[in-house]
Amino acid sequence: MLDVRNLTIEFHDHSLPEVAVDNISFSVNDGDILGIVGESGSGKSMTALAIAGLLNRGDITKSGEILLDGKELLHMKRKELRELQGKDIGIVFQEPMTSLNPVRKIDWQVEEALRTHGEKDKDKMKQLALEIMEEVGLPDVEILYNAYPHELSGGMRQRVMIAAAMISGPGLLIADEPTTALDVTVQAQIIALLKKINAEKKTTILFISHDLSLVRMLCKHVLVMKDGNIVEEGPVEEIFRNPKESYTRELIDAIPVVERRRNDNGAK
């Protein structure tokens, strides 16, 4: 479904060019969940933004190919790309409070993708919005529909973001650090929700995280990135049990012991 070939992203906002993503290639099959993990600056979020078509700054050069169901995205014209964004590709960002518009009610934000792609029937949009809000586990959706983001908890705001990303039924959902600002309990709820979306809607998910324990909870396969390169890739359990790179071992060792034991028990 998704095929990234020799992707390179280079910044030119300093005296010397800076390579953020260095000639990486990977594929994701239809209906799979792939994790991309790495520390800040590893290139994982730049890769996600390139796939989502959100790298449009003039000081960036991009090369390679990004194929989604055979359509080449990296060099696609912006007008054509906008037809895919929200409709074929949904994206959930790290911090919903900054991603959501604070002066717009939840209804406007969840329905945005429908409006962008030409839907004008307000009753139909409301019905679809309430349905997807219920599907992502939001309570009292009729009340929340008319609420503002600051009136919701962090977990509820993230569910709103997921509802907004999923309302048009995209085949690919990019979740870029979607649980970072949430406490451990709510993180687990969001991971469970992403699992449910994948199982029930067969949505392909690209899950970006710095936390290997979360990747292990959700994904079957993982790419480990460092300094713009893929340093290790393979089945999650295999990489946990037998990491080949010292950097991967460092990421595993950074997981709290209690959390590691819980994941080990769940993986048996």
C-alpha atoms as a PDB file:
ATOM      1  CA  MET A   1       0.000   0.000   0.000  1.00  0.00           C
ATOM      2  CA  LEU A   2       2.781   2.423   0.957  1.00  0.00           C
ATOM      3  CA  ASP A   3       6.183   2.215  -0.668  1.00  0.00           C
ATOM      4  CA  VAL A   4       8.944   4.671   0.289  1.00  0.00           C
ATOM      5  CA  ARG A   5      11.964   4.521  -2.023  1.00  0.00           C
ATOM      6  CA  ASN A   6      15.297   6.256  -1.418  1.00  0.00           C
ATOM      7  CA  LEU A   7      13.694   9.138   0.476  1.00  0.00           C
ATOM      8  CA  THR A   8      16.096  11.983   1.224  1.00  0.00           C
ATOM      9  CA  ILE A   9      15.115  15.243   2.914  1.00  0.00           C
ATOM     10  CA  GLU A  10      17.655  18.053   3.162  1.00  0.00           C
ATOM     11  CA  PHE A  11      17.377  21.431   4.889  1.00  0.00           C
ATOM     12  CA  HIS A  12      19.071  24.535   3.515  1.00  0.00           C
ATOM     13  CA  ASP A  13      18.346  27.075   6.256  1.00  0.00           C
ATOM     14  CA  HIS A  14      21.951  27.104   7.567  1.00  0.00           C
ATOM     15  CA  SER A  15      25.306  27.772   5.940  1.00  0.00           C
ATOM     16  CA  LEU A  16      25.713  24.048   5.264  1.00  0.00           C
ATOM     17  CA  PRO A  17      22.956  21.651   4.105  1.00  0.00           C
ATOM     18  CA  GLU A  18      21.547  19.387   6.830  1.00  0.00           C
ATOM     19  CA  VAL A  19      20.313  15.919   5.905  1.00  0.00           C
ATOM     20  CA  ALA A  20      17.249  15.088   8.009  1.00  0.00           C
ATOM     21  CA  VAL A  21      16.376  11.828   6.210  1.00  0.00           C
ATOM     22  CA  ASP A  22      19.137   9.986   4.375  1.00  0.00           C
ATOM     23  CA  ASN A  23      18.117   7.728   1.492  1.00  0.00           C
ATOM     24  CA  ILE A  24      15.696   5.443   3.366  1.00  0.00           C
ATOM     25  CA  SER A  25      13.393   2.821   1.861  1.00  0.00           C
ATOM     26  CA  PHE A  26      10.587   0.752   3.383  1.00  0.00           C
ATOM     27  CA  SER A  27       7.125  -0.618   2.580  1.00  0.00           C
ATOM     28  CA  VAL A  28       3.879  -1.069   4.497  1.00  0.00           C
ATOM     29  CA  ASN A  29       1.340  -3.652   3.383  1.00  0.00           C
ATOM     30  CA  ASP A  30      -2.373  -2.892   3.257  1.00  0.00           C
ATOM     31  CA  GLY A  31      -3.910  -3.241   6.725  1.00  0.00           C
ATOM     32  CA  ASP A  32      -0.590  -3.457   8.594  1.00  0.00           C
ATOM     33  CA  ILE A  33       0.641  -1.317  11.485  1.00  0.00           C
ATOM     34  CA  LEU A  34       4.266  -0.215  11.154  1.00  0.00           C
ATOM     35  CA  GLY A  35       6.119   1.523  13.969  1.00  0.00           C
ATOM     36  CA  ILE A  36       8.911   4.019  13.342  1.00  0.00           C
ATOM     37  CA  VAL A  37      10.892   4.663  16.502  1.00  0.00           C
ATOM     38  CA  GLY A  38      13.812   6.911  17.371  1.00  0.00           C
ATOM     39  CA  GLU A  39      14.913   9.806  19.513  1.00  0.00           C
ATOM     40  CA  SER A  40      14.243  13.451  18.709  1.00  0.00           C
ATOM     41  CA  GLY A  41      16.096  14.392  15.523  1.00  0.00           C
ATOM     42  CA  SER A  42      16.198  10.836  14.189  1.00  0.00           C
ATOM     43  CA  GLY A  43      14.159  11.764  11.105  1.00  0.00           C
ATOM     44  CA  LYS A  44      11.039   9.797  12.002  1.00  0.00           C
ATOM     45  CA  SER A  45       8.641  12.774  12.074  1.00  0.00           C
ATOM     46  CA  MET A  46      10.195  14.270   8.923  1.00  0.00           C
ATOM     47  CA  THR A  47       9.469  10.962   7.201  1.00  0.00           C
ATOM     48  CA  ALA A  48       5.848  11.072   8.412  1.00  0.00           C
ATOM     49  CA  LEU A  49       5.389  14.687   7.275  1.00  0.00           C
ATOM     50  CA  ALA A  50       6.800  13.855   3.843  1.00  0.00           C
ATOM     51  CA  ILE A  51       4.329  10.974   3.455  1.00  0.00           C
ATOM     52  CA  ALA A  52       1.483  13.255   4.577  1.00  0.00           C
ATOM     53  CA  GLY A  53       2.528  15.897   2.038  1.00  0.00           C
ATOM     54  CA  LEU A  54       3.234  18.515   4.694  1.00  0.00           C
ATOM     55  CA  LEU A  55       6.813  19.431   3.755  1.00  0.00           C
ATOM     56  CA  ASN A  56       6.359  22.497   1.564  1.00  0.00           C
ATOM     57  CA  ARG A  57       8.966  24.917   2.885  1.00  0.00           C
ATOM     58  CA  GLY A  58      11.183  26.550   0.305  1.00  0.00           C
ATOM     59  CA  ASP A  59      14.381  25.703   2.180  1.00  0.00           C
ATOM     60  CA  ILE A  60      13.841  21.933   1.854  1.00  0.00           C
ATOM     61  CA  THR A  61      14.893  19.664  -0.994  1.00  0.00           C
ATOM     62  CA  LYS A  62      13.299  16.229  -1.344  1.00  0.00           C
ATOM     63  CA  SER A  63      14.299  13.291  -3.497  1.00  0.00           C
ATOM     64  CA  GLY A  64      13.187   9.716  -3.941  1.00  0.00           C
ATOM     65  CA  GLU A  65       9.646   8.408  -4.232  1.00  0.00           C
ATOM     66  CA  ILE A  66       6.656   7.923  -1.955  1.00  0.00           C
ATOM     67  CA  LEU A  67       4.021   5.692  -3.525  1.00  0.00           C
ATOM     68  CA  LEU A  68       0.562   5.347  -1.979  1.00  0.00           C
ATOM     69  CA  ASP A  69      -1.519   2.768  -3.828  1.00  0.00           C
ATOM     70  CA  GLY A  70       0.720   3.467  -6.827  1.00  0.00           C
ATOM     71  CA  LYS A  71       0.349   7.267  -6.712  1.00  0.00           C
ATOM     72  CA  GLU A  72       3.623   9.166  -6.339  1.00  0.00           C
ATOM     73  CA  LEU A  73       3.213  11.718  -3.537  1.00  0.00           C
ATOM     74  CA  LEU A  74       6.614  13.320  -3.013  1.00  0.00           C
ATOM     75  CA  HIS A  75       6.591  15.318  -6.240  1.00  0.00           C
ATOM     76  CA  MET A  76       2.824  15.580  -6.691  1.00  0.00           C
ATOM     77  CA  LYS A  77       1.350  19.027  -7.357  1.00  0.00           C
ATOM     78  CA  ARG A  78      -0.110  20.626  -4.248  1.00  0.00           C
ATOM     79  CA  LYS A  79      -3.634  20.755  -5.693  1.00  0.00           C
ATOM     80  CA  GLU A  80      -3.594  17.014  -6.378  1.00  0.00           C
ATOM     81  CA  LEU A  81      -2.045  16.334  -2.980  1.00  0.00           C
ATOM     82  CA  ARG A  82      -4.819  18.245  -1.202  1.00  0.00           C
ATOM     83  CA  GLU A  83      -7.319  15.864  -2.808  1.00  0.00           C
ATOM     84  CA  LEU A  84      -5.650  12.998  -0.955  1.00  0.00           C
ATOM     85  CA  GLN A  85      -5.066  14.707   2.392  1.00  0.00           C
ATOM     86  CA  GLY A  86      -7.866  13.933   4.826  1.00  0.00           C
ATOM     87  CA  LYS A  87      -9.537  11.643   2.305  1.00  0.00           C
ATOM     88  CA  ASP A  88      -6.909   8.975   1.616  1.00  0.00           C
ATOM     89  CA  ILE A  89      -4.403  10.003   4.292  1.00  0.00           C
ATOM     90  CA  GLY A  90      -5.363  10.958   7.846  1.00  0.00           C
ATOM     91  CA  ILE A  91      -2.858  12.341  10.338  1.00  0.00           C
ATOM     92  CA  VAL A  92      -2.906  12.689  14.120  1.00  0.00           C
ATOM     93  CA  PHE A  93      -0.308  14.928  15.721  1.00  0.00           C
ATOM     94  CA  GLN A  94       1.453  14.868  19.074  1.00  0.00           C
ATOM     95  CA  GLU A  95      -0.286  17.659  20.971  1.00  0.00           C
ATOM     96  CA  PRO A  96      -4.025  18.066  20.271  1.00  0.00           C
ATOM     97  CA  MET A  97      -4.282  21.338  22.184  1.00  0.00           C
ATOM     98  CA  THR A  98      -1.974  23.028  19.677  1.00  0.00           C
ATOM     99  CA  SER A  99      -3.359  21.106  16.684  1.00  0.00           C
ATOM    100  CA  LEU A 100      -6.991  21.961  17.452  1.00  0.00           C
ATOM    101  CA  ASN A 101      -8.216  25.511  16.832  1.00  0.00           C
ATOM    102  CA  PRO A 102      -9.008  26.962  20.293  1.00  0.00           C
ATOM    103  CA  VAL A 103     -11.708  29.327  18.976  1.00  0.00           C
ATOM    104  CA  ARG A 104     -13.592  26.702  16.957  1.00  0.00           C
ATOM    105  CA  LYS A 105     -16.037  24.210  18.428  1.00  0.00           C
ATOM    106  CA  ILE A 106     -15.473  20.472  18.104  1.00  0.00           C
ATOM    107  CA  ASP A 107     -18.112  20.143  15.377  1.00  0.00           C
ATOM    108  CA  TRP A 108     -16.188  22.402  12.984  1.00  0.00           C
ATOM    109  CA  GLN A 109     -12.915  20.585  13.618  1.00  0.00           C
ATOM    110  CA  VAL A 110     -14.201  17.021  13.232  1.00  0.00           C
ATOM    111  CA  GLU A 111     -16.070  17.948  10.031  1.00  0.00           C
ATOM    112  CA  GLU A 112     -13.164  19.832   8.431  1.00  0.00           C
ATOM    113  CA  ALA A 113     -12.067  17.031   6.089  1.00  0.00           C
ATOM    114  CA  LEU A 114     -15.642  16.659   4.805  1.00  0.00           C
ATOM    115  CA  ARG A 115     -15.881  20.387   4.010  1.00  0.00           C
ATOM    116  CA  THR A 116     -12.442  20.401   2.386  1.00  0.00           C
ATOM    117  CA  HIS A 117     -13.570  17.696  -0.013  1.00  0.00           C
ATOM    118  CA  GLY A 118     -16.791  19.421  -1.020  1.00  0.00           C
ATOM    119  CA  GLU A 119     -19.469  18.197   1.390  1.00  0.00           C
ATOM    120  CA  LYS A 120     -22.099  20.923   1.956  1.00  0.00           C
ATOM    121  CA  ASP A 121     -24.972  19.027   3.599  1.00  0.00           C
ATOM    122  CA  LYS A 122     -24.799  20.161   7.243  1.00  0.00           C
ATOM    123  CA  ASP A 123     -27.138  17.446   8.511  1.00  0.00           C
ATOM    124  CA  LYS A 124     -25.096  14.732   6.828  1.00  0.00           C
ATOM    125  CA  MET A 125     -21.851  16.171   8.213  1.00  0.00           C
ATOM    126  CA  LYS A 126     -23.285  16.281  11.717  1.00  0.00           C
ATOM    127  CA  GLN A 127     -24.502  12.698  11.485  1.00  0.00           C
ATOM    128  CA  LEU A 128     -21.093  11.481  10.278  1.00  0.00           C
ATOM    129  CA  ALA A 129     -19.309  13.520  12.951  1.00  0.00           C
ATOM    130  CA  LEU A 130     -21.453  12.137  15.781  1.00  0.00           C
ATOM    131  CA  GLU A 131     -21.000   8.597  14.469  1.00  0.00           C
ATOM    132  CA  ILE A 132     -17.206   8.814  14.281  1.00  0.00           C
ATOM    133  CA  MET A 133     -17.040  10.542  17.685  1.00  0.00           C
ATOM    134  CA  GLU A 134     -18.927   7.609  19.187  1.00  0.00           C
ATOM    135  CA  GLU A 135     -16.691   5.128  17.359  1.00  0.00           C
ATOM    136  CA  VAL A 136     -13.548   6.636  18.902  1.00  0.00           C
ATOM    137  CA  GLY A 137     -15.052   6.290  22.371  1.00  0.00           C
ATOM    138  CA  LEU A 138     -16.074   9.847  23.186  1.00  0.00           C
ATOM    139  CA  PRO A 139     -18.939  10.124  25.720  1.00  0.00           C
ATOM    140  CA  ASP A 140     -21.958  12.433  25.442  1.00  0.00           C
ATOM    141  CA  VAL A 141     -21.179  13.242  21.824  1.00  0.00           C
ATOM    142  CA  GLU A 142     -24.134  15.603  21.372  1.00  0.00           C
ATOM    143  CA  ILE A 143     -22.722  17.763  24.179  1.00  0.00           C
ATOM    144  CA  LEU A 144     -19.090  17.519  23.061  1.00  0.00           C
ATOM    145  CA  TYR A 145     -20.094  18.347  19.494  1.00  0.00           C
ATOM    146  CA  ASN A 146     -20.807  21.918  20.667  1.00  0.00           C
ATOM    147  CA  ALA A 147     -17.895  22.194  23.101  1.00  0.00           C
ATOM    148  CA  TYR A 148     -14.553  23.989  22.716  1.00  0.00           C
ATOM    149  CA  PRO A 149     -11.196  22.154  22.950  1.00  0.00           C
ATOM    150  CA  HIS A 150     -10.304  23.689  26.335  1.00  0.00           C
ATOM    151  CA  GLU A 151     -13.429  22.116  27.824  1.00  0.00           C
ATOM    152  CA  LEU A 152     -12.125  18.601  27.100  1.00  0.00           C
ATOM    153  CA  SER A 153      -9.458  16.506  28.810  1.00  0.00           C
ATOM    154  CA  GLY A 154      -6.219  15.682  27.003  1.00  0.00           C
ATOM    155  CA  GLY A 155      -7.385  12.163  26.197  1.00  0.00           C
ATOM    156  CA  MET A 156     -10.716  13.421  24.868  1.00  0.00           C
ATOM    157  CA  ARG A 157      -8.956  15.995  22.680  1.00  0.00           C
ATOM    158  CA  GLN A 158      -6.761  13.273  21.223  1.00  0.00           C
ATOM    159  CA  ARG A 159      -9.856  11.194  20.460  1.00  0.00           C
ATOM    160  CA  VAL A 160     -11.318  14.257  18.708  1.00  0.00           C
ATOM    161  CA  MET A 161      -8.152  14.454  16.600  1.00  0.00           C
ATOM    162  CA  ILE A 162      -8.476  10.766  15.711  1.00  0.00           C
ATOM    163  CA  ALA A 163     -12.157  11.266  14.844  1.00  0.00           C
ATOM    164  CA  ALA A 164     -11.243  14.208  12.586  1.00  0.00           C
ATOM    165  CA  ALA A 165      -8.536  12.119  10.898  1.00  0.00           C
ATOM    166  CA  MET A 166     -10.856   9.138  10.366  1.00  0.00           C
ATOM    167  CA  ILE A 167     -14.131  10.833   9.348  1.00  0.00           C
ATOM    168  CA  SER A 168     -13.478  10.449   5.611  1.00  0.00           C
ATOM    169  CA  GLY A 169     -12.345   6.832   5.950  1.00  0.00           C
ATOM    170  CA  PRO A 170      -8.687   7.170   4.885  1.00  0.00           C
ATOM    171  CA  GLY A 171      -6.817   4.021   3.980  1.00  0.00           C
ATOM    172  CA  LEU A 172      -3.673   5.291   5.735  1.00  0.00           C
ATOM    173  CA  LEU A 173      -3.569   6.847   9.213  1.00  0.00           C
ATOM    174  CA  ILE A 174      -0.317   8.499  10.284  1.00  0.00           C
ATOM    175  CA  ALA A 175      -0.094   8.814  14.067  1.00  0.00           C
ATOM    176  CA  ASP A 176       2.875  11.052  14.908  1.00  0.00           C
ATOM    177  CA  GLU A 177       3.655  10.719  18.645  1.00  0.00           C
ATOM    178  CA  PRO A 178      -0.097  10.693  19.446  1.00  0.00           C
ATOM    179  CA  THR A 179       0.319   9.740  23.109  1.00  0.00           C
ATOM    180  CA  THR A 180       3.301  11.854  24.212  1.00  0.00           C
ATOM    181  CA  ALA A 181       1.296  14.481  26.130  1.00  0.00           C
ATOM    182  CA  LEU A 182      -0.927  11.902  27.871  1.00  0.00           C
ATOM    183  CA  ASP A 183      -0.582   9.982  31.117  1.00  0.00           C
ATOM    184  CA  VAL A 184       0.151   6.249  31.065  1.00  0.00           C
ATOM    185  CA  THR A 185      -3.471   5.141  31.506  1.00  0.00           C
ATOM    186  CA  VAL A 186      -4.746   7.344  28.683  1.00  0.00           C
ATOM    187  CA  GLN A 187      -1.803   6.279  26.489  1.00  0.00           C
ATOM    188  CA  ALA A 188      -2.968   2.670  26.817  1.00  0.00           C
ATOM    189  CA  GLN A 189      -6.521   3.710  25.888  1.00  0.00           C
ATOM    190  CA  ILE A 190      -5.325   5.491  22.736  1.00  0.00           C
ATOM    191  CA  ILE A 191      -3.205   2.475  21.750  1.00  0.00           C
ATOM    192  CA  ALA A 192      -6.270   0.250  22.222  1.00  0.00           C
ATOM    193  CA  LEU A 193      -8.311   2.633  20.069  1.00  0.00           C
ATOM    194  CA  LEU A 194      -5.742   2.509  17.251  1.00  0.00           C
ATOM    195  CA  LYS A 195      -5.804  -1.299  17.443  1.00  0.00           C
ATOM    196  CA  LYS A 196      -9.583  -1.215  17.176  1.00  0.00           C
ATOM    197  CA  ILE A 197      -9.501   1.098  14.143  1.00  0.00           C
ATOM    198  CA  ASN A 198      -7.005  -1.189  12.435  1.00  0.00           C
ATOM    199  CA  ALA A 199      -9.008  -4.333  13.206  1.00  0.00           C
ATOM    200  CA  GLU A 200     -12.479  -3.003  12.368  1.00  0.00           C
ATOM    201  CA  LYS A 201     -11.744  -0.621   9.486  1.00  0.00           C
ATOM    202  CA  LYS A 202      -8.639  -2.374   8.118  1.00  0.00           C
ATOM    203  CA  THR A 203      -6.889   1.001   8.199  1.00  0.00           C
ATOM    204  CA  THR A 204      -3.144   0.885   7.573  1.00  0.00           C
ATOM    205  CA  ILE A 205      -1.363   2.729  10.389  1.00  0.00           C
ATOM    206  CA  LEU A 206       2.059   4.342  10.498  1.00  0.00           C
ATOM    207  CA  PHE A 207       2.846   4.865  14.183  1.00  0.00           C
ATOM    208  CA  ILE A 208       5.674   7.280  15.013  1.00  0.00           C
ATOM    209  CA  SER A 209       7.102   7.216  18.529  1.00  0.00           C
ATOM    210  CA  HIS A 210      10.230   7.628  20.646  1.00  0.00           C
ATOM    211  CA  ASP A 211       8.856   4.933  22.980  1.00  0.00           C
ATOM    212  CA  LEU A 212       9.593   1.333  21.993  1.00  0.00           C
ATOM    213  CA  SER A 213       7.247  -0.015  24.677  1.00  0.00           C
ATOM    214  CA  LEU A 214       4.271   1.684  22.973  1.00  0.00           C
ATOM    215  CA  VAL A 215       5.416   0.421  19.582  1.00  0.00           C
ATOM    216  CA  ARG A 216       5.552  -3.084  21.054  1.00  0.00           C
ATOM    217  CA  MET A 217       1.970  -2.769  22.325  1.00  0.00           C
ATOM    218  CA  LEU A 218       0.622  -1.768  18.908  1.00  0.00           C
ATOM    219  CA  CYS A 219       2.869  -2.850  16.050  1.00  0.00           C
ATOM    220  CA  LYS A 220       4.089  -6.117  14.591  1.00  0.00           C
ATOM    221  CA  HIS A 221       6.976  -4.551  12.665  1.00  0.00           C
ATOM    222  CA  VAL A 222       9.252  -1.639  13.507  1.00  0.00           C
ATOM    223  CA  LEU A 223      11.892   0.569  11.898  1.00  0.00           C
ATOM    224  CA  VAL A 224      14.500   2.043  14.229  1.00  0.00           C
ATOM    225  CA  MET A 225      15.825   5.406  13.010  1.00  0.00           C
ATOM    226  CA  LYS A 226      18.899   7.372  14.037  1.00  0.00           C
ATOM    227  CA  ASP A 227      20.428  10.461  12.405  1.00  0.00           C
ATOM    228  CA  GLY A 228      18.129  10.165   9.393  1.00  0.00           C
ATOM    229  CA  ASN A 229      18.940   6.509   8.730  1.00  0.00           C
ATOM    230  CA  ILE A 230      17.154   3.216   9.346  1.00  0.00           C
ATOM    231  CA  VAL A 231      19.596   1.360  11.610  1.00  0.00           C
ATOM    232  CA  GLU A 232      17.445  -1.698  12.275  1.00  0.00           C
ATOM    233  CA  GLU A 233      14.128  -3.128  11.148  1.00  0.00           C
ATOM    234  CA  GLY A 234      12.087  -6.265  11.600  1.00  0.00           C
ATOM    235  CA  PRO A 235       9.374  -7.906  13.710  1.00  0.00           C
ATOM    236  CA  VAL A 236       8.948  -6.053  17.010  1.00  0.00           C
ATOM    237  CA  GLU A 237       9.348  -9.107  19.233  1.00  0.00           C
ATOM    238  CA  GLU A 238      12.485 -10.221  17.414  1.00  0.00           C
ATOM    239  CA  ILE A 239      14.085  -6.800  17.818  1.00  0.00           C
ATOM    240  CA  PHE A 240      13.156  -6.700  21.505  1.00  0.00           C
ATOM    241  CA  ARG A 241      14.635 -10.119  22.176  1.00  0.00           C
ATOM    242  CA  ASN A 242      17.676  -9.841  19.937  1.00  0.00           C
ATOM    243  CA  PRO A 243      18.541  -6.240  19.016  1.00  0.00           C
ATOM    244  CA  LYS A 244      21.482  -6.094  16.617  1.00  0.00           C
ATOM    245  CA  GLU A 245      22.382  -2.437  17.145  1.00  0.00           C
ATOM    246  CA  SER A 246      23.629  -0.839  20.368  1.00  0.00           C
ATOM    247  CA  TYR A 247      21.321   2.133  19.712  1.00  0.00           C
ATOM    248  CA  THR A 248      18.293  -0.184  19.720  1.00  0.00           C
ATOM    249  CA  ARG A 249      19.519  -1.730  22.960  1.00  0.00           C
ATOM    250  CA  GLU A 250      19.753   1.772  24.469  1.00  0.00           C
ATOM    251  CA  LEU A 251      16.120   2.448  23.512  1.00  0.00           C
ATOM    252  CA  ILE A 252      15.042  -0.833  25.097  1.00  0.00           C
ATOM    253  CA  ASP A 253      17.074  -0.151  28.241  1.00  0.00           C
ATOM    254  CA  ALA A 254      15.386   3.257  28.542  1.00  0.00           C
ATOM    255  CA  ILE A 255      12.016   1.546  29.101  1.00  0.00           C
ATOM    256  CA  PRO A 256      11.164   1.426  32.835  1.00  0.00           C
ATOM    257  CA  VAL A 257      11.636  -2.082  34.252  1.00  0.00           C
ATOM    258  CA  VAL A 258       8.005  -2.343  35.447  1.00  0.00           C
ATOM    259  CA  GLU A 259       6.748  -1.441  31.991  1.00  0.00           C
ATOM    260  CA  ARG A 260       9.124  -3.883  30.334  1.00  0.00           C
ATOM    261  CA  ARG A 261       7.929  -6.728  32.559  1.00  0.00           C
ATOM    262  CA  ARG A 262       4.292  -5.884  31.822  1.00  0.00           C
ATOM    263  CA  ASN A 263       4.964  -5.966  28.063  1.00  0.00           C
ATOM    264  CA  ASP A 264       6.937  -9.210  28.378  1.00  0.00           C
ATOM    265  CA  ASN A 265       3.995 -10.833  30.179  1.00  0.00           C
ATOM    266  CA  GLY A 266       1.566  -9.544  27.575  1.00  0.00           C
ATOM    267  CA  ALA A 267       3.734 -10.809  24.742  1.00  0.00           C
ATOM    268  CA  LYS A 268       3.820 -14.403  25.988  1.00  0.00           C
END
